[in-house]
Amino acid sequence: MSRKRKPKYEEKTLREKQIDFKRHFRTYLVMSVFFIALNILGGSHQFWAIWPILGWGIGVAMQGLSLYGPLKDPEDVHPKEEDIEFSGPLPDLRDQPRKIPLRELDDRGYSEEDLV
């Protein structure tokens, strides 16, 4: 079976990078609350949770600044979908039959006898 290669960060569109950042920021917030709760419920008299929160926060801040702030890459600006002009109507692909290459049929992992 052929597996799709995960795109590298440089190959992602600006929108995909922004979605990744929002996901990363949400995870950071949830884990920060978890660290604070663990620190309080653990009975420690020292506030050790500040260190992982600050360390991780530096990475989140740098990622945010590289997408939204002054560290933004000027070459990373992609046009919005509304700004893209199409020349002519788009073809209707629903009427065309899907052609499956033979090598894709060989990688199914099952035979037709298994289905009966």
Protein backbone atom coordinates (compact mmCIF):
# COMPACT_ATOMS: atom_id res chain seq x y z
CA MET A 1 0.00 0.00 0.00
CA SER A 2 1.34 3.42 -0.82
CA ARG A 3 1.29 5.94 2.01
CA LYS A 4 1.03 9.64 1.37
CA ARG A 5 4.07 11.58 2.49
CA LYS A 6 3.35 14.20 5.12
CA PRO A 7 4.25 17.60 3.66
CA LYS A 8 7.21 19.39 5.18
CA TYR A 9 6.54 22.62 7.06
CA GLU A 10 8.07 24.67 4.22
CA GLU A 11 5.72 23.01 1.70
CA LYS A 12 2.56 23.87 3.63
CA THR A 13 0.35 26.78 2.63
CA LEU A 14 -0.05 29.79 4.89
CA ARG A 15 -3.54 28.62 5.88
CA GLU A 16 -2.25 25.16 6.88
CA LYS A 17 0.52 26.78 8.95
CA GLN A 18 -2.03 28.99 10.71
CA ILE A 19 -4.23 25.98 11.50
CA ASP A 20 -1.18 24.15 12.89
CA PHE A 21 -0.34 27.16 15.06
CA LYS A 22 -3.87 27.40 16.47
CA ARG A 23 -3.79 23.68 17.29
CA HIS A 24 -0.38 24.08 18.94
CA PHE A 25 -1.55 27.11 20.95
CA ARG A 26 -4.66 25.25 22.21
CA THR A 27 -2.50 22.31 23.29
CA TYR A 28 -0.14 24.72 25.06
CA LEU A 29 -3.01 26.32 26.99
CA VAL A 30 -4.50 22.98 28.05
CA MET A 31 -1.13 21.62 29.14
CA SER A 32 -0.33 24.84 31.04
CA VAL A 33 -3.53 24.44 33.07
CA PHE A 34 -2.61 20.78 33.63
CA PHE A 35 0.89 21.73 34.89
CA ILE A 36 -0.57 24.31 37.28
CA ALA A 37 -3.17 21.84 38.58
CA LEU A 38 -0.52 19.16 39.01
CA ASN A 39 1.68 21.61 40.89
CA ILE A 40 -1.14 22.64 43.23
CA LEU A 41 -2.54 19.14 43.79
CA GLY A 42 0.93 17.66 44.18
CA GLY A 43 1.46 19.61 47.36
CA SER A 44 4.71 21.21 46.26
CA HIS A 45 5.63 24.45 48.00
CA GLN A 46 7.59 25.61 44.97
CA PHE A 47 5.92 26.75 41.76
CA TRP A 48 7.86 24.50 39.39
CA ALA A 49 5.12 24.62 36.71
CA ILE A 50 6.41 27.99 35.54
CA TRP A 51 9.46 26.39 33.89
CA PRO A 52 7.71 24.10 31.40
CA ILE A 53 5.13 26.83 30.76
CA LEU A 54 7.82 29.41 29.99
CA GLY A 55 9.95 26.98 27.97
CA TRP A 56 7.08 25.82 25.81
CA GLY A 57 5.73 29.38 25.61
CA ILE A 58 8.91 30.59 23.93
CA GLY A 59 8.35 28.08 21.12
CA VAL A 60 4.68 29.00 20.77
CA ALA A 61 5.53 32.71 20.75
CA MET A 62 8.19 32.27 18.06
CA GLN A 63 5.80 30.27 15.89
CA GLY A 64 3.10 32.94 16.32
CA LEU A 65 5.50 35.77 15.53
CA SER A 66 6.67 33.97 12.39
CA LEU A 67 3.06 33.74 11.15
CA TYR A 68 1.41 36.91 12.41
CA GLY A 69 4.10 39.24 13.74
CA PRO A 70 7.24 41.06 12.64
CA LEU A 71 9.10 37.82 11.90
CA LYS A 72 6.60 36.96 9.17
CA ASP A 73 8.19 35.68 5.96
CA PRO A 74 7.26 38.04 3.08
CA GLU A 75 7.40 35.14 0.63
CA ASP A 76 4.84 33.23 2.67
CA VAL A 77 1.94 35.39 1.49
CA HIS A 78 -0.56 33.38 -0.51
CA PRO A 79 -3.55 34.82 -2.36
CA LYS A 80 -7.00 34.33 -0.87
CA GLU A 81 -9.40 32.08 -2.74
CA GLU A 82 -11.59 35.11 -3.55
CA ASP A 83 -8.66 36.83 -5.28
CA ILE A 84 -7.93 33.93 -7.65
CA GLU A 85 -9.43 34.44 -11.08
CA PHE A 86 -10.47 31.48 -13.20
CA SER A 87 -10.37 31.60 -16.96
CA GLY A 88 -13.55 29.92 -18.08
CA PRO A 89 -15.92 27.48 -16.45
CA LEU A 90 -14.64 24.56 -14.44
CA PRO A 91 -15.22 21.10 -15.94
CA ASP A 92 -17.87 18.92 -14.31
CA LEU A 93 -15.89 15.91 -13.05
CA ARG A 94 -18.92 14.01 -11.77
CA ASP A 95 -19.77 12.73 -15.25
CA GLN A 96 -16.31 11.30 -15.88
CA PRO A 97 -15.62 7.74 -14.71
CA ARG A 98 -12.77 7.36 -12.24
CA LYS A 99 -9.86 5.49 -13.75
CA ILE A 100 -7.93 3.35 -11.28
CA PRO A 101 -4.39 2.37 -12.24
CA LEU A 102 -3.71 -1.36 -12.10
CA ARG A 103 -0.95 -0.98 -9.52
CA GLU A 104 -3.46 0.65 -7.17
CA LEU A 105 -5.76 -2.37 -7.56
CA ASP A 106 -2.89 -4.71 -6.69
CA ASP A 107 -2.24 -2.86 -3.41
CA ARG A 108 -5.75 -3.40 -2.06
CA GLY A 109 -4.68 -5.95 0.54
CA TYR A 110 -7.63 -8.23 -0.20
CA SER A 111 -8.87 -10.34 -3.05
CA GLU A 112 -12.28 -10.35 -4.64
CA GLU A 113 -12.94 -13.80 -3.16
CA ASP A 114 -12.71 -12.28 0.34
CA LEU A 115 -15.71 -10.08 -0.45
CA VAL A 116 -18.04 -12.95 -1.33
